[in-house]
Protein backbone atom coordinates (compact mmCIF):
# COMPACT_ATOMS: atom_id res chain seq x y z
CA MET A 1 -15.39 148.20 168.46
CA THR A 2 -11.73 149.15 169.69
CA ASP A 3 -8.59 150.37 168.11
CA ARG A 4 -6.89 147.18 168.78
CA ALA A 5 -9.58 144.94 167.57
CA LEU A 6 -9.58 147.19 164.28
CA PHE A 7 -5.67 146.54 163.55
CA LEU A 8 -5.68 143.21 164.41
CA ALA A 9 -8.48 142.26 162.46
CA LEU A 10 -6.62 144.32 159.19
CA ALA A 11 -3.25 142.41 159.89
CA ALA A 12 -5.26 138.97 160.25
CA VAL A 13 -6.62 139.83 156.83
CA ALA A 14 -3.68 140.52 155.12
CA ALA A 15 -1.68 137.79 156.70
CA GLY A 16 -4.33 135.44 155.14
CA ALA A 17 -5.71 134.29 158.56
CA PHE A 18 -9.20 134.30 157.31
CA PRO A 19 -10.76 131.95 154.54
CA SER A 20 -12.40 134.67 152.62
CA PRO A 21 -10.11 137.30 151.57
CA ALA A 22 -13.33 139.80 151.21
CA LEU A 23 -14.35 139.54 154.68
CA ALA A 24 -13.11 138.67 157.99
CA VAL A 25 -15.48 137.31 160.56
CA GLN A 26 -14.58 137.07 164.33
CA VAL A 27 -16.81 134.73 166.45
CA GLY A 28 -19.60 136.70 168.15
CA GLN A 29 -20.20 139.80 165.89
CA PRO A 30 -23.36 139.57 164.18
CA VAL A 31 -23.37 139.71 160.51
CA ASN A 32 -25.85 142.18 160.10
CA ASP A 33 -23.52 145.07 161.64
CA ALA A 34 -20.87 144.09 158.80
CA PRO A 35 -21.95 147.59 156.67
CA ALA A 36 -21.75 149.68 159.90
CA MET A 37 -18.55 148.29 161.06
CA ARG A 38 -16.89 148.88 157.56
CA ALA A 39 -18.01 152.52 157.35
CA GLU A 40 -16.38 152.72 161.03
CA VAL A 41 -13.25 151.39 159.62
CA GLN A 42 -13.12 153.64 156.83
CA LYS A 43 -13.87 156.89 158.99
CA ARG A 44 -10.85 155.69 161.19
CA LEU A 45 -8.45 155.44 158.68
CA LYS A 46 -9.73 158.62 156.99
CA ARG A 47 -8.93 160.43 159.96
CA ILE A 48 -5.30 158.97 160.42
CA ALA A 49 -4.76 159.61 156.98
CA GLU A 50 -5.60 163.32 157.00
CA ARG A 51 -2.80 164.05 159.75
CA GLY A 52 -0.03 162.93 157.23
CA PRO A 53 2.87 161.69 158.99
CA ALA A 54 1.80 162.65 162.06
CA GLY A 55 -1.04 160.06 162.04
CA VAL A 56 1.60 157.25 162.00
CA PRO A 57 1.56 156.81 165.85
CA ASP A 58 -2.45 156.63 166.04
CA ALA A 59 -2.20 153.99 163.18
CA LEU A 60 0.37 151.76 165.04
CA ALA A 61 -1.28 152.47 168.26
CA LEU A 62 -4.18 150.39 167.25
CA LEU A 63 -2.00 147.44 168.07
CA LEU A 64 -1.43 148.45 171.58
CA SER A 65 -4.86 148.91 173.04
CA PRO A 66 -5.50 146.09 175.68
CA ASP A 67 -9.22 145.39 174.52
CA ASP A 68 -9.53 143.21 171.53
CA GLU A 69 -13.58 143.09 170.77
CA ALA A 70 -14.66 141.48 167.57
CA LEU A 71 -15.45 143.03 164.15
CA PHE A 72 -15.80 142.83 160.55
CA VAL A 73 -13.09 144.27 158.20
CA ASP A 74 -12.79 144.08 154.49
CA SER A 75 -9.56 143.57 152.44
CA GLU A 76 -10.52 147.27 150.89
CA ALA A 77 -9.75 148.81 154.50
CA THR A 78 -6.63 146.75 154.85
CA GLN A 79 -5.04 147.84 151.44
CA ALA A 80 -5.91 151.34 152.50
CA LEU A 81 -4.14 151.38 155.82
CA TYR A 82 -1.12 150.11 153.93
CA GLU A 83 -1.13 152.51 151.18
CA TYR A 84 -1.44 155.21 153.64
CA LEU A 85 1.59 153.87 155.58
CA ARG A 86 3.53 153.43 152.35
CA SER A 87 2.84 157.28 151.71
CA VAL A 88 4.78 158.55 154.82
CA PRO A 89 8.65 158.88 154.87
CA GLU A 90 10.24 155.58 156.04
CA GLU A 91 12.32 156.88 158.69
CA ARG A 92 9.01 158.01 160.20
CA LEU A 93 7.54 154.92 160.24
CA LEU A 94 10.63 152.89 161.46
CA ASP A 95 10.86 155.54 164.30
CA ASP A 96 7.37 154.65 165.49
CA LEU A 97 7.90 151.19 165.46
CA ARG A 98 10.74 151.30 167.80
CA VAL A 99 8.52 150.84 170.60
CA TRP A 100 8.12 147.02 169.19
CA MET A 101 11.49 146.26 170.45
CA GLU A 102 10.41 147.10 174.13
CA PRO A 103 10.66 144.35 176.35
CA GLU A 104 7.04 143.81 177.17
CA HIS A 105 6.26 143.10 173.71
CA THR A 106 6.01 139.42 172.64
CA ILE A 107 6.98 137.46 169.52
CA ASP A 108 3.65 138.04 168.27
CA ASP A 109 3.78 141.64 168.63
CA ARG A 110 6.72 141.86 166.59
CA LEU A 111 5.19 139.57 163.82
CA VAL A 112 2.50 142.13 163.42
CA ALA A 113 5.00 144.89 163.21
CA ALA A 114 6.96 142.90 160.57
CA GLY A 115 3.40 142.79 158.31
CA VAL A 116 3.62 146.43 158.52
CA LEU A 117 7.10 146.62 156.83
CA GLU A 118 6.06 143.45 154.49
CA HIS A 119 3.29 145.85 153.12
CA ALA A 120 4.60 149.55 153.50
CA GLY A 121 8.44 149.29 154.43
CA GLY A 122 11.27 150.83 152.16
CA ALA A 123 14.62 149.76 151.26
CA ARG A 124 16.04 150.31 155.05
CA SER A 125 13.32 148.16 156.70
CA VAL A 126 15.24 145.24 155.63
CA ALA A 127 17.64 146.27 158.36
CA ARG A 128 15.03 146.61 160.92
CA LEU A 129 13.80 143.51 160.21
CA LEU A 130 17.47 141.65 161.06
CA ASP A 131 17.58 144.05 163.97
CA TRP A 132 14.24 142.51 165.47
CA PHE A 133 14.71 138.96 164.82
CA SER A 134 18.20 137.83 164.36
CA GLU A 135 18.57 137.43 168.35
CA GLU A 136 15.54 135.48 168.52
CA GLU A 137 16.00 132.05 169.95
CA PRO A 138 16.37 129.20 167.39
CA ALA A 139 13.36 127.27 168.47
CA VAL A 140 11.30 130.21 168.18
CA LEU A 141 12.77 130.90 164.79
CA GLU A 142 12.35 127.21 163.47
CA ARG A 143 8.61 127.73 164.52
CA PRO A 144 6.87 127.36 161.05
CA SER A 145 4.36 129.90 162.04
CA VAL A 146 6.86 132.48 162.75
CA SER A 147 9.77 131.65 160.24
CA ARG A 148 7.18 131.86 157.41
CA ARG A 149 6.00 135.37 158.74
CA ILE A 150 9.21 137.07 158.74
CA GLU A 151 10.32 135.40 155.70
CA ASN A 152 7.06 137.02 153.95
CA ALA A 153 8.08 140.41 155.75
CA MET A 154 11.61 140.31 154.32
CA ALA A 155 10.25 139.01 151.11
CA GLY A 156 7.98 141.77 150.49
CA VAL A 157 10.41 144.46 151.29
CA LEU A 158 12.90 143.39 148.98
CA ALA A 159 10.32 142.79 145.93
CA ARG A 160 9.00 146.56 146.14
CA ASN A 161 12.59 148.01 146.57
CA ALA A 162 15.70 147.16 144.83
CA GLY A 163 17.85 149.52 147.13
CA ALA A 164 16.93 146.79 149.85
CA PHE A 165 19.41 144.34 148.30
CA ASP A 166 22.59 146.67 148.66
CA VAL A 167 21.14 147.30 152.38
CA LEU A 168 20.94 143.40 153.11
CA SER A 169 24.24 142.94 151.37
CA MET A 170 26.13 145.37 154.02
CA GLU A 171 23.91 144.39 157.07
CA LEU A 172 23.58 140.65 156.98
CA GLY A 173 26.97 139.56 157.81
CA ARG A 174 26.78 141.75 161.17
CA ARG A 175 23.64 139.64 162.53
CA ASN A 176 23.57 136.57 164.18
CA PRO A 177 23.97 133.74 161.61
CA ARG A 178 20.77 132.14 163.03
CA ILE A 179 18.98 134.75 160.81
CA ARG A 180 20.39 133.46 157.60
CA PRO A 181 18.11 130.39 156.83
CA LEU A 182 15.04 133.04 156.78
CA VAL A 183 17.01 135.40 154.70
CA ALA A 184 17.77 132.76 152.08
CA ARG A 185 14.25 131.28 151.99
CA ALA A 186 13.00 135.33 151.23
CA LEU A 187 15.68 135.79 148.58
CA GLY A 188 14.52 132.47 146.78
CA SER A 189 10.94 133.58 146.84
CA VAL A 190 11.75 136.98 145.25
CA GLY A 191 14.02 135.48 142.68
CA ARG A 192 15.55 138.25 141.42
CA ALA A 193 19.04 138.51 139.95
CA ASP A 194 20.08 140.92 142.52
CA GLY A 195 19.55 138.32 145.19
CA ILE A 196 21.54 135.60 143.91
CA PRO A 197 25.23 136.83 144.72
CA LEU A 198 23.78 137.12 148.03
CA LEU A 199 22.74 133.52 148.04
CA GLU A 200 25.99 132.35 146.67
CA GLY A 201 27.65 134.22 149.43
CA LEU A 202 25.71 132.27 152.10
CA MET A 203 27.14 128.99 150.85
CA GLY A 204 29.77 127.77 152.75
CA ASN A 205 28.59 128.22 156.35
CA GLY A 206 27.39 124.83 157.15
CA PHE A 207 25.83 121.88 155.12
CA ALA A 208 22.47 122.55 156.64
CA LEU A 209 22.65 126.33 155.47
CA ASP A 210 24.05 125.13 152.15
CA VAL A 211 20.86 122.67 151.54
CA ILE A 212 18.56 125.83 152.26
CA VAL A 213 20.41 128.10 149.76
CA LEU A 214 20.33 125.29 147.11
CA GLU A 215 16.71 125.09 147.96
CA ALA A 216 15.93 128.68 147.59
CA LEU A 217 17.94 128.96 143.98
CA GLY A 218 15.95 126.08 142.80
CA SER A 219 12.69 127.36 143.63
CA LEU A 220 12.87 131.13 142.07
CA ASP A 221 9.42 132.76 141.87
CA VAL A 222 7.91 132.00 138.53
CA ARG A 223 7.73 135.78 137.57
CA ASN A 224 11.48 135.63 137.54
CA LEU A 225 12.37 132.52 136.18
CA ALA A 226 13.12 133.24 132.48
CA GLN A 227 15.85 135.91 133.49
CA ASN A 228 17.62 134.19 136.26
CA ALA A 229 17.28 130.35 135.38
CA GLU A 230 20.55 130.11 133.56
CA TYR A 231 22.58 132.42 136.56
CA ALA A 232 21.03 130.69 139.26
CA SER A 233 21.63 127.04 137.54
CA THR A 234 25.59 128.35 137.20
CA VAL A 235 26.02 128.92 140.68
CA VAL A 236 24.09 125.56 141.71
CA ARG A 237 26.21 123.53 139.43
CA ARG A 238 29.42 124.78 141.39
CA PHE A 239 28.18 122.67 144.47
CA TRP A 240 27.98 119.38 142.81
CA ARG A 241 30.96 118.26 144.16
CA SER A 242 30.43 119.30 147.90
CA PRO A 243 31.52 116.70 150.42
CA ASN A 244 28.36 116.47 151.82
CA PRO A 245 25.93 113.99 150.29
CA GLY A 246 22.91 116.00 151.31
CA VAL A 247 24.14 119.28 149.47
CA ARG A 248 25.00 117.08 146.39
CA ALA A 249 21.55 115.67 146.12
CA GLN A 250 19.94 119.16 146.55
CA VAL A 251 21.91 120.22 143.75
CA ALA A 252 20.41 117.54 141.46
CA ARG A 253 16.67 118.58 142.75
CA SER A 254 17.68 122.25 142.35
CA LEU A 255 19.06 121.82 138.68
CA ALA A 256 15.84 119.72 137.92
CA GLN A 257 13.66 122.59 139.14
CA LEU A 258 15.73 125.27 137.21
CA GLY A 259 15.24 122.85 134.09
CA HIS A 260 18.49 124.41 132.21
CA PRO A 261 19.83 122.23 129.42
CA ASP A 262 23.45 123.13 130.42
CA SER A 263 22.98 121.23 133.52
CA VAL A 264 22.54 117.88 132.07
CA GLU A 265 26.52 117.24 131.65
CA THR A 266 26.76 118.10 135.73
CA LEU A 267 23.61 115.72 136.23
CA LEU A 268 25.13 113.07 134.08
CA GLY A 269 28.49 113.34 136.06
CA MET A 270 26.39 112.76 139.36
CA LEU A 271 25.15 109.24 138.13
CA ALA A 272 28.28 107.76 139.26
CA ASP A 273 28.13 109.47 142.91
CA GLU A 274 29.12 106.72 145.50
CA GLU A 275 26.03 107.94 147.52
CA GLU A 276 23.06 105.94 146.46
CA ALA A 277 20.66 109.00 147.36
CA VAL A 278 22.54 111.29 145.29
CA ALA A 279 22.68 109.16 142.19
CA ARG A 280 19.10 108.51 142.44
CA ALA A 281 18.49 112.09 142.95
CA ALA A 282 20.55 112.98 139.76
CA GLN A 283 18.40 109.92 137.98
CA SER A 284 15.08 111.70 138.96
CA ALA A 285 16.50 115.19 137.95
CA LEU A 286 17.24 113.88 134.45
CA ARG A 287 13.74 112.14 134.13
CA GLU A 288 12.15 115.50 134.75
CA SER A 289 14.26 117.00 132.39
CA SER A 290 13.68 114.77 129.69
CA GLY A 291 10.50 113.02 130.22
CA ARG A 292 12.81 109.72 129.80
CA ASP A 293 13.83 107.20 132.04
CA PHE A 294 16.84 105.38 131.74
CA LYS A 295 17.28 104.82 135.29
CA GLY A 296 21.15 104.59 136.14
CA ASP A 297 22.29 103.56 132.63
CA ALA A 298 24.93 106.34 132.28
CA ALA A 299 25.74 105.34 128.62
CA ARG A 300 22.07 105.59 127.50
CA TRP A 301 21.62 108.73 129.12
CA ARG A 302 24.56 110.18 127.46
CA GLU A 303 23.44 108.81 124.05
CA TRP A 304 19.95 110.50 124.62
CA HIS A 305 21.54 113.94 125.68
CA GLU A 306 23.76 113.73 122.39
CA ALA A 307 20.83 113.12 120.09
CA GLU A 308 19.13 115.89 121.70
CA GLN A 309 21.84 118.18 121.24
CA ARG A 310 21.89 117.20 117.53
CA TRP A 311 18.30 117.73 117.08
CA TYR A 312 18.17 121.17 118.60
CA GLU A 313 21.21 122.28 116.59
CA GLN A 314 19.66 120.66 113.18
CA SER A 315 15.96 120.75 113.33
CA PHE A 316 14.54 123.24 116.20
CA THR A 317 14.64 126.56 114.06
CA GLN A 318 13.11 124.80 111.18
CA LEU A 319 10.34 123.25 113.02
CA SER A 320 9.50 126.38 114.83
CA THR A 321 9.18 128.48 111.91
CA ILE A 322 6.97 126.20 110.06
CA SER A 323 4.00 127.80 108.32
CA THR A 324 0.28 127.30 109.78
CA ASP A 325 -0.94 127.50 106.30
CA ASP A 326 -0.03 123.67 106.14
CA SER A 327 -2.01 122.52 109.12
CA ASP A 328 -0.67 118.96 109.01
CA ALA A 329 2.81 120.05 109.09
CA TRP A 330 2.14 122.58 111.79
CA LEU A 331 0.59 119.80 113.66
CA ALA A 332 3.34 117.45 113.04
CA ALA A 333 5.94 120.33 114.10
CA ILE A 334 4.07 120.81 117.42
CA ARG A 335 4.12 117.54 118.33
CA GLU A 336 7.73 117.06 117.63
CA LEU A 337 8.52 120.20 119.63
CA THR A 338 6.52 119.49 122.61
CA GLY A 339 8.05 116.04 122.63
CA HIS A 340 11.51 117.15 123.24
CA ARG A 341 11.28 118.32 126.82
CA LEU A 342 14.83 119.26 127.73
CA TYR A 343 14.02 122.46 125.25
CA ARG A 344 10.68 123.02 126.63
CA ARG A 345 11.60 126.54 127.54
CA GLN A 346 12.83 127.23 123.89
CA THR A 347 9.52 125.69 122.52
CA ALA A 348 7.40 127.79 125.15
CA GLN A 349 8.77 130.95 123.77
CA VAL A 350 8.08 129.84 120.08
CA LEU A 351 4.35 128.97 121.12
CA VAL A 352 3.88 132.35 122.63
CA GLY A 353 5.27 133.89 119.44
CA ARG A 354 2.75 132.12 117.18
CA LEU A 355 -0.23 132.91 119.76
CA LYS A 356 0.37 136.58 119.00
CA SER A 357 0.79 136.54 115.41
CA ASP A 358 -1.15 133.41 113.83
CA ALA A 359 -4.78 133.04 112.76
CA ALA A 360 -7.53 132.46 115.43
CA GLU A 361 -7.96 128.45 114.75
CA VAL A 362 -4.27 128.08 115.77
CA VAL A 363 -5.05 129.31 119.48
CA PRO A 364 -6.53 126.36 120.94
CA LEU A 365 -3.60 124.47 119.79
CA VAL A 366 -1.17 126.59 121.31
CA VAL A 367 -2.73 126.67 124.52
CA SER A 368 -3.01 123.06 125.20
CA SER A 369 0.44 122.77 124.25
CA LEU A 370 1.56 125.42 126.57
CA VAL A 371 -0.23 123.91 129.40
CA ARG A 372 1.34 120.35 128.66
CA LEU A 373 4.77 121.96 128.76
CA GLY A 374 4.19 123.52 132.03
CA ASP A 375 7.07 125.94 131.64
CA ALA A 376 6.41 129.09 133.67
CA SER A 377 9.31 131.02 132.46
CA VAL A 378 6.82 132.64 129.85
CA VAL A 379 4.49 134.12 132.31
CA ALA A 380 5.60 137.54 131.85
CA ASP A 381 5.10 137.22 127.92
CA LEU A 382 1.46 135.93 128.56
CA VAL A 383 0.72 138.81 130.81
CA GLU A 384 1.57 141.28 128.07
CA LEU A 385 -0.71 139.28 125.84
CA THR A 386 -3.58 140.05 127.84
CA ARG A 387 -3.81 143.40 126.37
CA HIS A 388 -3.35 142.02 122.99
CA SER A 389 -6.11 143.71 120.51
CA ARG A 390 -7.55 140.36 119.62
CA PRO A 391 -10.05 138.64 122.35
CA GLU A 392 -9.12 135.25 121.49
CA VAL A 393 -5.64 135.90 122.27
CA ARG A 394 -6.43 137.63 125.75
CA ARG A 395 -8.75 134.70 126.56
CA ALA A 396 -5.83 132.45 125.78
CA ALA A 397 -3.40 134.35 128.04
CA PHE A 398 -5.55 134.43 130.96
CA THR A 399 -6.24 130.45 130.58
CA VAL A 400 -2.44 129.66 130.27
CA LEU A 401 -1.66 131.98 133.20
CA GLU A 402 -3.85 130.52 135.63
CA GLU A 403 -2.73 126.91 134.78
CA LEU A 404 0.81 127.82 134.73
CA THR A 405 0.90 129.93 137.99
CA ARG A 406 -2.15 128.30 139.90
CA GLN A 407 -3.20 131.65 140.96
CA SER A 408 -6.92 132.61 140.80
CA LEU A 409 -6.89 136.05 139.67
CA PRO A 410 -9.57 138.41 137.95
CA GLU A 411 -9.38 138.25 134.07
CA THR A 412 -8.03 141.80 133.91
CA SER A 413 -4.79 142.81 132.83
CA LYS A 414 -4.26 145.39 135.68
CA ALA A 415 -4.78 142.33 138.22
CA TRP A 416 -2.26 140.05 136.50
CA GLU A 417 0.45 143.14 136.14
CA ARG A 418 0.16 143.85 139.61
CA TRP A 419 0.82 140.11 140.49
CA LEU A 420 3.72 139.97 137.99
CA THR A 421 5.56 143.26 139.62
CA GLY A 422 4.57 142.24 143.33
CA VAL A 423 2.61 145.36 143.60
CA PRO A 424 0.18 145.04 146.51
């Protein structure tokens, strides 16, 4: 077992290159050697960690050995390595990573180094990632296997470090514009409010980039959707009159993804777009927002919208406060609330509130209603409910979280809290 084999396996597990998150198996390694392999991995990591910051070169040198024997390594060892790297001063880590910029190193070497920063880098690491990759040839950056790993590295740094947004704001304009699409997608995957002004600032630098930025704004991470959907929707709506039909069509798609009721007026205006593809995108967005299908009939869509607004103003509050003591009235209220898809986010908030306070027999109906609504803006509230005093509420929270996020995590508050905060 060599240093290079150890680190490459660690990096591969972290990047999800193996089918099992618990065990990485390289062809040719006997299965019964696994415990000994794990023990040796732990010894190596312990020796490095005991050296403090002075151990960083040894940790990074694991990548530089010319040998590449196969081995087993589990995810606990991977996390131990990154925890050690996070514990050292960032400047020391960045200084020791400079070697990756030497001419003899390949793009694959730099991507492995980017994985280190994804899991261990501080705020300044986002500038180092820009340094490393902004001058790569466009054909290289356009390869999904490359762009995805760079985007993941940037997103990891941004998710862990609020100060990284300020660094990115100062540094991005000084770099080759070819890196901007990757930055846009990274900002979208993190989905924080800090990143929305940066995304807005990228608009107007070519229609292709405009589409990518709008896609990013429309695909905010569900963990930040509740706080940022209104802000992002406001930004997206500003571009519905773009001279480029591809941009206008993406505006409609992004507004549908964000699902904010204030966007309906914009979508109604887009039904009359001279480009058929844009008008169809607006129809699709309205259909997704409403659960109805009036195709291109602008008059019927407007009539529906006005009726929805009246219903929300006159009936929503009354329906959302009906007591569960009257089971028939409560059931009818749930049916009516969930039937108005335009206000699904508000209804989901009501349902989560009832989950906290109402009797146990209400829980199954609330769970099925939340799943049917499919609105992920309530995930933070649901994670909080995984610590509720009542076991049926905790079970319900875990069930709905898994359905809304498609995450298969252990049914523990700690696991979901780490996911919510982006802690590795």
